[in-house]
Amino acid sequence: MERMPANGVEIAYVASGSGEPVVLIHGGESSHAQYDTVRPLLGAGIRAIAYDQRDTGESRNAAAAYDLADLARDCAALITGLGYEKAHVFGASYGGAIALQLAVTVPEVVRTLTVGATFPHAASTPGNDARRVLALPPEERTRQMLGLLLSEKGQESAELVAEARAVLFHRAAEADARRTAAIRTYDVADQLSAITAPTMLIYGEDDQLAAPSMGREIASGIPGAQLVVLPELRHGITLEGKNSVATLLREFVLAHPIEKED
């Protein structure tokens, strides 16, 4: 992994391919590894960039409080630090919230916005259910997460279960607490109409954490936003649904190249 200092944080990231820059923002229980199997699927003409957020993986930050706007500014600093004026942004779950916050807080760096399985405000996050899962011992926590991420059919695939286990990232309790606190004040619901970047929303039909109704709520607030619901999938759209997500994201990005503004 490579590293970049920004906002008092040492951001660790990995990049592959060349072409339109696509920044991939991982979920709350993962790291940049969430996209290890997605990046190759994006194909030619795309430079896929995945990074570790604060309190995650190889990135380094002080043990101090932060919020979603800080995490959004970290992402913006990564984009500009890599030499881009703009990038295409994709985020899932917690990462989707960061992506939405980025489009509100630093809109000038966002060419297109794609979010999956995410929430418009803290009141719609899993809340007590999420805190209950976070408090479990690691193996039980993983077992609970697998049931939330994968459909019953997906859980029957040893390969898919192994992939899901590999991307789940368990943090120290104090790091979990900072990340949980960071999203408590998150609320972009009243600012969605200000998002001007072409926007696509992707949700799993059977997601128990972020139902398609949340996607419809977000889509109704963003001018021109489109919503895609993937049949039978749960919260792990970048795992069990990685081929569909990669195809949708690739087509969306290539339809809105940076050099050709709308």
C-alpha atoms as a PDB file:
ATOM      1  CA  MET A   1       0.000   0.000   0.000  1.00  0.00           C
ATOM      2  CA  GLU A   2       1.011   3.598  -0.566  1.00  0.00           C
ATOM      3  CA  ARG A   3       0.520   6.402   1.948  1.00  0.00           C
ATOM      4  CA  MET A   4      -0.388  10.074   1.813  1.00  0.00           C
ATOM      5  CA  PRO A   5      -0.401  12.610   4.660  1.00  0.00           C
ATOM      6  CA  ALA A   6      -3.568  14.716   4.802  1.00  0.00           C
ATOM      7  CA  ASN A   7      -5.539  16.501   7.540  1.00  0.00           C
ATOM      8  CA  GLY A   8      -3.213  15.134  10.204  1.00  0.00           C
ATOM      9  CA  VAL A   9      -3.882  11.592   8.981  1.00  0.00           C
ATOM     10  CA  GLU A  10      -1.610   9.196   7.136  1.00  0.00           C
ATOM     11  CA  ILE A  11      -3.978   7.712   4.565  1.00  0.00           C
ATOM     12  CA  ALA A  12      -3.049   4.286   3.245  1.00  0.00           C
ATOM     13  CA  TYR A  13      -4.396   3.425  -0.187  1.00  0.00           C
ATOM     14  CA  VAL A  14      -4.026   0.990  -3.054  1.00  0.00           C
ATOM     15  CA  ALA A  15      -4.646   1.753  -6.721  1.00  0.00           C
ATOM     16  CA  SER A  16      -4.907  -0.329  -9.872  1.00  0.00           C
ATOM     17  CA  GLY A  17      -5.642   0.257 -13.539  1.00  0.00           C
ATOM     18  CA  SER A  18      -5.549   3.499 -15.493  1.00  0.00           C
ATOM     19  CA  GLY A  19      -8.134   5.927 -16.756  1.00  0.00           C
ATOM     20  CA  GLU A  20     -11.083   7.560 -15.006  1.00  0.00           C
ATOM     21  CA  PRO A  21     -10.273   7.800 -11.252  1.00  0.00           C
ATOM     22  CA  VAL A  22     -12.796   5.932  -9.106  1.00  0.00           C
ATOM     23  CA  VAL A  23     -12.419   6.225  -5.324  1.00  0.00           C
ATOM     24  CA  LEU A  24     -13.934   3.315  -3.388  1.00  0.00           C
ATOM     25  CA  ILE A  25     -15.018   4.008   0.205  1.00  0.00           C
ATOM     26  CA  HIS A  26     -15.365   0.954   2.444  1.00  0.00           C
ATOM     27  CA  GLY A  27     -18.063   0.142   4.981  1.00  0.00           C
ATOM     28  CA  GLY A  28     -18.021   0.310   8.756  1.00  0.00           C
ATOM     29  CA  GLU A  29     -16.929  -3.270   9.351  1.00  0.00           C
ATOM     30  CA  SER A  30     -14.334  -3.420   6.607  1.00  0.00           C
ATOM     31  CA  SER A  31     -11.196  -1.823   5.159  1.00  0.00           C
ATOM     32  CA  HIS A  32      -9.852  -1.159   1.663  1.00  0.00           C
ATOM     33  CA  ALA A  33      -9.846  -4.972   1.280  1.00  0.00           C
ATOM     34  CA  GLN A  34     -13.609  -4.788   0.715  1.00  0.00           C
ATOM     35  CA  TYR A  35     -12.763  -3.881  -2.879  1.00  0.00           C
ATOM     36  CA  ASP A  36      -9.913  -6.304  -3.565  1.00  0.00           C
ATOM     37  CA  THR A  37     -12.191  -8.454  -5.732  1.00  0.00           C
ATOM     38  CA  VAL A  38     -14.189  -5.506  -7.095  1.00  0.00           C
ATOM     39  CA  ARG A  39     -11.299  -3.425  -8.472  1.00  0.00           C
ATOM     40  CA  PRO A  40     -10.294  -5.948 -11.187  1.00  0.00           C
ATOM     41  CA  LEU A  41     -13.927  -6.226 -12.308  1.00  0.00           C
ATOM     42  CA  LEU A  42     -14.088  -2.524 -13.178  1.00  0.00           C
ATOM     43  CA  GLY A  43     -11.986  -3.235 -16.250  1.00  0.00           C
ATOM     44  CA  ALA A  44      -9.983  -1.113 -18.675  1.00  0.00           C
ATOM     45  CA  GLY A  45     -10.241   2.649 -18.689  1.00  0.00           C
ATOM     46  CA  ILE A  46     -10.685   2.952 -14.926  1.00  0.00           C
ATOM     47  CA  ARG A  47      -8.158   3.652 -12.189  1.00  0.00           C
ATOM     48  CA  ALA A  48      -9.638   2.118  -9.041  1.00  0.00           C
ATOM     49  CA  ILE A  49      -8.459   3.594  -5.734  1.00  0.00           C
ATOM     50  CA  ALA A  50      -9.398   2.042  -2.383  1.00  0.00           C
ATOM     51  CA  TYR A  51      -8.185   3.424   0.935  1.00  0.00           C
ATOM     52  CA  ASP A  52      -8.353   2.816   4.671  1.00  0.00           C
ATOM     53  CA  GLN A  53     -10.381   5.359   6.638  1.00  0.00           C
ATOM     54  CA  ARG A  54      -9.367   6.640  10.073  1.00  0.00           C
ATOM     55  CA  ASP A  55      -8.973   3.922  12.694  1.00  0.00           C
ATOM     56  CA  THR A  56      -8.730   1.319   9.938  1.00  0.00           C
ATOM     57  CA  GLY A  57      -5.992  -0.901   8.541  1.00  0.00           C
ATOM     58  CA  GLU A  58      -2.766   0.825   7.574  1.00  0.00           C
ATOM     59  CA  SER A  59      -4.010   4.423   7.942  1.00  0.00           C
ATOM     60  CA  ARG A  60      -2.803   6.303  11.013  1.00  0.00           C
ATOM     61  CA  ASN A  61      -4.592   9.016  13.002  1.00  0.00           C
ATOM     62  CA  ALA A  62      -4.526  10.544  16.446  1.00  0.00           C
ATOM     63  CA  ALA A  63      -6.811   9.088  19.114  1.00  0.00           C
ATOM     64  CA  ALA A  64      -9.152  12.073  18.876  1.00  0.00           C
ATOM     65  CA  ALA A  65     -12.820  12.501  18.011  1.00  0.00           C
ATOM     66  CA  TYR A  66     -13.930  13.192  14.432  1.00  0.00           C
ATOM     67  CA  ASP A  67     -17.165  13.216  12.463  1.00  0.00           C
ATOM     68  CA  LEU A  68     -18.416  12.285   8.984  1.00  0.00           C
ATOM     69  CA  ALA A  69     -17.420  15.687   7.608  1.00  0.00           C
ATOM     70  CA  ASP A  70     -13.824  15.010   8.709  1.00  0.00           C
ATOM     71  CA  LEU A  71     -13.908  11.628   6.973  1.00  0.00           C
ATOM     72  CA  ALA A  72     -15.315  13.292   3.853  1.00  0.00           C
ATOM     73  CA  ARG A  73     -12.521  15.857   3.877  1.00  0.00           C
ATOM     74  CA  ASP A  74      -9.984  13.024   4.193  1.00  0.00           C
ATOM     75  CA  CYS A  75     -11.404  11.535   1.002  1.00  0.00           C
ATOM     76  CA  ALA A  76     -11.269  14.910  -0.756  1.00  0.00           C
ATOM     77  CA  ALA A  77      -7.649  15.359   0.343  1.00  0.00           C
ATOM     78  CA  LEU A  78      -6.797  11.947  -1.090  1.00  0.00           C
ATOM     79  CA  ILE A  79      -8.381  12.861  -4.433  1.00  0.00           C
ATOM     80  CA  THR A  80      -6.544  16.167  -4.759  1.00  0.00           C
ATOM     81  CA  GLY A  81      -3.346  14.752  -3.276  1.00  0.00           C
ATOM     82  CA  LEU A  82      -3.282  12.181  -6.067  1.00  0.00           C
ATOM     83  CA  GLY A  83      -3.358  15.040  -8.558  1.00  0.00           C
ATOM     84  CA  TYR A  84      -7.025  14.935  -9.553  1.00  0.00           C
ATOM     85  CA  GLU A  85      -9.382  17.895  -9.549  1.00  0.00           C
ATOM     86  CA  LYS A  86     -12.308  15.461  -9.479  1.00  0.00           C
ATOM     87  CA  ALA A  87     -12.957  11.767  -9.137  1.00  0.00           C
ATOM     88  CA  HIS A  88     -15.853   9.358  -9.419  1.00  0.00           C
ATOM     89  CA  VAL A  89     -16.867   8.266  -5.912  1.00  0.00           C
ATOM     90  CA  PHE A  90     -18.433   5.016  -4.760  1.00  0.00           C
ATOM     91  CA  GLY A  91     -19.250   4.189  -1.148  1.00  0.00           C
ATOM     92  CA  ALA A  92     -21.176   1.368   0.498  1.00  0.00           C
ATOM     93  CA  SER A  93     -22.950   1.414   3.878  1.00  0.00           C
ATOM     94  CA  TYR A  94     -20.839   3.585   6.255  1.00  0.00           C
ATOM     95  CA  GLY A  95     -18.773   4.435   3.192  1.00  0.00           C
ATOM     96  CA  GLY A  96     -21.932   5.473   1.372  1.00  0.00           C
ATOM     97  CA  ALA A  97     -22.683   7.937   4.151  1.00  0.00           C
ATOM     98  CA  ILE A  98     -19.170   9.352   3.756  1.00  0.00           C
ATOM     99  CA  ALA A  99     -19.717   9.609  -0.009  1.00  0.00           C
ATOM    100  CA  LEU A 100     -22.981  11.516   0.475  1.00  0.00           C
ATOM    101  CA  GLN A 101     -21.296  13.772   3.035  1.00  0.00           C
ATOM    102  CA  LEU A 102     -18.457  14.374   0.569  1.00  0.00           C
ATOM    103  CA  ALA A 103     -20.900  15.405  -2.167  1.00  0.00           C
ATOM    104  CA  VAL A 104     -22.394  17.917   0.272  1.00  0.00           C
ATOM    105  CA  THR A 105     -19.219  19.133   2.013  1.00  0.00           C
ATOM    106  CA  VAL A 106     -16.686  19.165  -0.852  1.00  0.00           C
ATOM    107  CA  PRO A 107     -18.854  18.875  -3.989  1.00  0.00           C
ATOM    108  CA  GLU A 108     -16.198  20.262  -6.304  1.00  0.00           C
ATOM    109  CA  VAL A 109     -14.158  17.031  -6.148  1.00  0.00           C
ATOM    110  CA  VAL A 110     -17.045  14.713  -7.082  1.00  0.00           C
ATOM    111  CA  ARG A 111     -17.637  13.962 -10.790  1.00  0.00           C
ATOM    112  CA  THR A 112     -20.170  11.177 -10.223  1.00  0.00           C
ATOM    113  CA  LEU A 113     -21.618   9.799  -7.023  1.00  0.00           C
ATOM    114  CA  THR A 114     -22.595   6.170  -6.563  1.00  0.00           C
ATOM    115  CA  VAL A 115     -23.732   4.957  -3.154  1.00  0.00           C
ATOM    116  CA  GLY A 116     -24.948   1.590  -2.025  1.00  0.00           C
ATOM    117  CA  ALA A 117     -26.809   0.230   0.998  1.00  0.00           C
ATOM    118  CA  THR A 118     -26.561   3.453   2.952  1.00  0.00           C
ATOM    119  CA  PHE A 119     -28.532   5.962   5.034  1.00  0.00           C
ATOM    120  CA  PRO A 120     -29.498   9.643   4.727  1.00  0.00           C
ATOM    121  CA  HIS A 121     -29.108  10.428   8.429  1.00  0.00           C
ATOM    122  CA  ALA A 122     -28.086   8.923  11.758  1.00  0.00           C
ATOM    123  CA  ALA A 123     -31.694   8.267  12.765  1.00  0.00           C
ATOM    124  CA  SER A 124     -31.979   5.720   9.956  1.00  0.00           C
ATOM    125  CA  THR A 125     -28.753   3.828  10.774  1.00  0.00           C
ATOM    126  CA  PRO A 126     -29.008   0.398  12.461  1.00  0.00           C
ATOM    127  CA  GLY A 127     -28.365   2.081  15.828  1.00  0.00           C
ATOM    128  CA  ASN A 128     -28.905  -0.301  18.745  1.00  0.00           C
ATOM    129  CA  ASP A 129     -28.642  -3.386  16.531  1.00  0.00           C
ATOM    130  CA  ALA A 130     -25.249  -2.234  15.262  1.00  0.00           C
ATOM    131  CA  ARG A 131     -23.995  -1.479  18.780  1.00  0.00           C
ATOM    132  CA  ARG A 132     -25.156  -4.910  19.919  1.00  0.00           C
ATOM    133  CA  VAL A 133     -23.182  -6.591  17.129  1.00  0.00           C
ATOM    134  CA  LEU A 134     -20.104  -4.436  17.814  1.00  0.00           C
ATOM    135  CA  ALA A 135     -20.145  -5.560  21.450  1.00  0.00           C
ATOM    136  CA  LEU A 136     -19.992  -9.272  20.578  1.00  0.00           C
ATOM    137  CA  PRO A 137     -16.810 -11.374  20.760  1.00  0.00           C
ATOM    138  CA  PRO A 138     -14.997 -11.396  17.365  1.00  0.00           C
ATOM    139  CA  GLU A 139     -16.152 -14.798  16.107  1.00  0.00           C
ATOM    140  CA  GLU A 140     -19.786 -14.265  17.092  1.00  0.00           C
ATOM    141  CA  ARG A 141     -19.625 -10.777  15.639  1.00  0.00           C
ATOM    142  CA  THR A 142     -18.376 -12.243  12.360  1.00  0.00           C
ATOM    143  CA  ARG A 143     -21.127 -14.876  12.350  1.00  0.00           C
ATOM    144  CA  GLN A 144     -23.788 -12.213  12.868  1.00  0.00           C
ATOM    145  CA  MET A 145     -22.312 -10.049  10.129  1.00  0.00           C
ATOM    146  CA  LEU A 146     -22.235 -12.921   7.648  1.00  0.00           C
ATOM    147  CA  GLY A 147     -25.976 -13.339   8.093  1.00  0.00           C
ATOM    148  CA  LEU A 148     -26.532  -9.642   7.456  1.00  0.00           C
ATOM    149  CA  LEU A 149     -24.194  -9.469   4.465  1.00  0.00           C
ATOM    150  CA  LEU A 150     -25.075 -12.638   2.571  1.00  0.00           C
ATOM    151  CA  SER A 151     -28.351 -14.170   1.480  1.00  0.00           C
ATOM    152  CA  GLU A 152     -29.148 -17.710   2.606  1.00  0.00           C
ATOM    153  CA  LYS A 153     -27.973 -18.919  -0.789  1.00  0.00           C
ATOM    154  CA  GLY A 154     -24.782 -16.873  -0.461  1.00  0.00           C
ATOM    155  CA  GLN A 155     -24.061 -18.401   2.932  1.00  0.00           C
ATOM    156  CA  GLU A 156     -24.055 -21.826   1.297  1.00  0.00           C
ATOM    157  CA  SER A 157     -21.054 -20.840  -0.843  1.00  0.00           C
ATOM    158  CA  ALA A 158     -17.788 -21.633   0.957  1.00  0.00           C
ATOM    159  CA  GLU A 159     -15.928 -19.328  -1.431  1.00  0.00           C
ATOM    160  CA  LEU A 160     -18.245 -16.395  -0.790  1.00  0.00           C
ATOM    161  CA  VAL A 161     -18.223 -16.925   2.987  1.00  0.00           C
ATOM    162  CA  ALA A 162     -14.407 -16.997   2.936  1.00  0.00           C
ATOM    163  CA  GLU A 163     -14.360 -13.775   0.917  1.00  0.00           C
ATOM    164  CA  ALA A 164     -16.739 -12.095   3.365  1.00  0.00           C
ATOM    165  CA  ARG A 165     -14.675 -13.212   6.348  1.00  0.00           C
ATOM    166  CA  ALA A 166     -11.542 -11.840   4.701  1.00  0.00           C
ATOM    167  CA  VAL A 167     -12.970  -8.334   4.309  1.00  0.00           C
ATOM    168  CA  LEU A 168     -14.432  -8.016   7.820  1.00  0.00           C
ATOM    169  CA  PHE A 169     -12.138  -5.861   9.942  1.00  0.00           C
ATOM    170  CA  HIS A 170     -12.260  -5.883  13.750  1.00  0.00           C
ATOM    171  CA  ARG A 171     -10.926  -2.771  15.476  1.00  0.00           C
ATOM    172  CA  ALA A 172      -9.899  -2.052  19.044  1.00  0.00           C
ATOM    173  CA  ALA A 173     -12.838  -0.984  21.234  1.00  0.00           C
ATOM    174  CA  GLU A 174     -11.713   2.657  21.398  1.00  0.00           C
ATOM    175  CA  ALA A 175     -11.456   2.854  17.596  1.00  0.00           C
ATOM    176  CA  ASP A 176     -14.929   1.336  17.228  1.00  0.00           C
ATOM    177  CA  ALA A 177     -16.224   3.912  19.704  1.00  0.00           C
ATOM    178  CA  ARG A 178     -14.748   6.821  17.722  1.00  0.00           C
ATOM    179  CA  ARG A 179     -16.256   5.566  14.459  1.00  0.00           C
ATOM    180  CA  THR A 180     -19.647   4.969  16.075  1.00  0.00           C
ATOM    181  CA  ALA A 181     -19.581   8.462  17.584  1.00  0.00           C
ATOM    182  CA  ALA A 182     -18.591   9.948  14.219  1.00  0.00           C
ATOM    183  CA  ILE A 183     -21.862   8.927  12.587  1.00  0.00           C
ATOM    184  CA  ARG A 184     -24.181   9.958  15.427  1.00  0.00           C
ATOM    185  CA  THR A 185     -24.433  13.551  14.158  1.00  0.00           C
ATOM    186  CA  TYR A 186     -24.590  12.560  10.477  1.00  0.00           C
ATOM    187  CA  ASP A 187     -27.560  14.049   8.614  1.00  0.00           C
ATOM    188  CA  VAL A 188     -27.563  15.114   4.964  1.00  0.00           C
ATOM    189  CA  ALA A 189     -31.301  14.629   4.370  1.00  0.00           C
ATOM    190  CA  ASP A 190     -32.007  18.355   4.056  1.00  0.00           C
ATOM    191  CA  GLN A 191     -28.951  18.924   1.841  1.00  0.00           C
ATOM    192  CA  LEU A 192     -29.530  16.251  -0.788  1.00  0.00           C
ATOM    193  CA  SER A 193     -31.125  18.701  -3.213  1.00  0.00           C
ATOM    194  CA  ALA A 194     -27.795  20.573  -3.392  1.00  0.00           C
ATOM    195  CA  ILE A 195     -26.001  17.544  -4.869  1.00  0.00           C
ATOM    196  CA  THR A 196     -25.408  18.222  -8.561  1.00  0.00           C
ATOM    197  CA  ALA A 197     -23.152  15.298  -9.473  1.00  0.00           C
ATOM    198  CA  PRO A 198     -24.814  12.542 -11.529  1.00  0.00           C
ATOM    199  CA  THR A 199     -25.951  10.077  -8.868  1.00  0.00           C
ATOM    200  CA  MET A 200     -26.775   6.368  -8.792  1.00  0.00           C
ATOM    201  CA  LEU A 201     -28.011   4.403  -5.781  1.00  0.00           C
ATOM    202  CA  ILE A 202     -27.648   0.613  -5.462  1.00  0.00           C
ATOM    203  CA  TYR A 203     -29.488  -1.444  -2.829  1.00  0.00           C
ATOM    204  CA  GLY A 204     -30.067  -5.094  -2.040  1.00  0.00           C
ATOM    205  CA  GLU A 205     -33.708  -6.141  -2.157  1.00  0.00           C
ATOM    206  CA  ASP A 206     -33.489  -8.055   1.147  1.00  0.00           C
ATOM    207  CA  ASP A 207     -31.090  -5.762   3.014  1.00  0.00           C
ATOM    208  CA  GLN A 208     -32.012  -5.782   6.714  1.00  0.00           C
ATOM    209  CA  LEU A 209     -29.728  -2.849   7.545  1.00  0.00           C
ATOM    210  CA  ALA A 210     -30.414  -0.454   4.682  1.00  0.00           C
ATOM    211  CA  ALA A 211     -33.700  -1.234   2.977  1.00  0.00           C
ATOM    212  CA  PRO A 212     -34.413  -0.041  -0.579  1.00  0.00           C
ATOM    213  CA  SER A 213     -36.886   2.429   0.964  1.00  0.00           C
ATOM    214  CA  MET A 214     -33.844   4.346   2.257  1.00  0.00           C
ATOM    215  CA  GLY A 215     -32.519   4.467  -1.292  1.00  0.00           C
ATOM    216  CA  ARG A 216     -35.847   5.789  -2.511  1.00  0.00           C
ATOM    217  CA  GLU A 217     -35.761   8.478   0.174  1.00  0.00           C
ATOM    218  CA  ILE A 218     -32.280   9.572  -0.894  1.00  0.00           C
ATOM    219  CA  ALA A 219     -33.100   9.367  -4.609  1.00  0.00           C
ATOM    220  CA  SER A 220     -36.168  11.543  -4.141  1.00  0.00           C
ATOM    221  CA  GLY A 221     -33.961  14.262  -2.686  1.00  0.00           C
ATOM    222  CA  ILE A 222     -31.223  14.327  -5.339  1.00  0.00           C
ATOM    223  CA  PRO A 223     -32.197  15.797  -8.711  1.00  0.00           C
ATOM    224  CA  GLY A 224     -31.969  13.161 -11.451  1.00  0.00           C
ATOM    225  CA  ALA A 225     -30.754  10.362  -9.158  1.00  0.00           C
ATOM    226  CA  GLN A 226     -31.406   6.815 -10.283  1.00  0.00           C
ATOM    227  CA  LEU A 227     -32.068   3.829  -8.019  1.00  0.00           C
ATOM    228  CA  VAL A 228     -31.164   0.210  -8.772  1.00  0.00           C
ATOM    229  CA  VAL A 229     -32.431  -2.606  -6.533  1.00  0.00           C
ATOM    230  CA  LEU A 230     -30.577  -5.923  -6.851  1.00  0.00           C
ATOM    231  CA  PRO A 231     -32.901  -8.924  -6.346  1.00  0.00           C
ATOM    232  CA  GLU A 232     -32.409 -11.247  -3.357  1.00  0.00           C
ATOM    233  CA  LEU A 233     -29.263  -9.513  -2.098  1.00  0.00           C
ATOM    234  CA  ARG A 234     -28.705  -8.353   1.482  1.00  0.00           C
ATOM    235  CA  HIS A 235     -26.213  -5.771   2.771  1.00  0.00           C
ATOM    236  CA  GLY A 236     -23.154  -7.282   1.085  1.00  0.00           C
ATOM    237  CA  ILE A 237     -23.748  -5.846  -2.368  1.00  0.00           C
ATOM    238  CA  THR A 238     -19.998  -5.573  -3.036  1.00  0.00           C
ATOM    239  CA  LEU A 239     -19.559  -9.230  -2.081  1.00  0.00           C
ATOM    240  CA  GLU A 240     -22.419 -11.364  -3.317  1.00  0.00           C
ATOM    241  CA  GLY A 241     -23.398  -8.706  -5.849  1.00  0.00           C
ATOM    242  CA  LYS A 242     -19.910  -7.612  -6.866  1.00  0.00           C
ATOM    243  CA  ASN A 243     -20.302  -8.474 -10.546  1.00  0.00           C
ATOM    244  CA  SER A 244     -23.537  -6.527 -10.863  1.00  0.00           C
ATOM    245  CA  VAL A 245     -22.189  -3.583  -8.859  1.00  0.00           C
ATOM    246  CA  ALA A 246     -18.963  -3.465 -10.877  1.00  0.00           C
ATOM    247  CA  THR A 247     -20.894  -3.501 -14.163  1.00  0.00           C
ATOM    248  CA  LEU A 248     -23.276  -0.766 -13.016  1.00  0.00           C
ATOM    249  CA  LEU A 249     -20.453   1.381 -11.668  1.00  0.00           C
ATOM    250  CA  ARG A 250     -18.277   0.918 -14.757  1.00  0.00           C
ATOM    251  CA  GLU A 251     -21.073   1.876 -17.145  1.00  0.00           C
ATOM    252  CA  PHE A 252     -22.052   4.884 -15.023  1.00  0.00           C
ATOM    253  CA  VAL A 253     -18.483   6.181 -14.787  1.00  0.00           C
ATOM    254  CA  LEU A 254     -17.692   5.754 -18.468  1.00  0.00           C
ATOM    255  CA  ALA A 255     -20.947   7.478 -19.390  1.00  0.00           C
ATOM    256  CA  HIS A 256     -19.786  10.585 -17.466  1.00  0.00           C
ATOM    257  CA  PRO A 257     -16.070  11.047 -18.213  1.00  0.00           C
ATOM    258  CA  ILE A 258     -14.339  13.828 -16.315  1.00  0.00           C
ATOM    259  CA  GLU A 259     -13.215  15.684 -19.416  1.00  0.00           C
ATOM    260  CA  LYS A 260     -16.849  15.983 -20.583  1.00  0.00           C
ATOM    261  CA  GLU A 261     -18.853  17.847 -17.969  1.00  0.00           C
ATOM    262  CA  ASP A 262     -22.645  17.678 -18.257  1.00  0.00           C
END
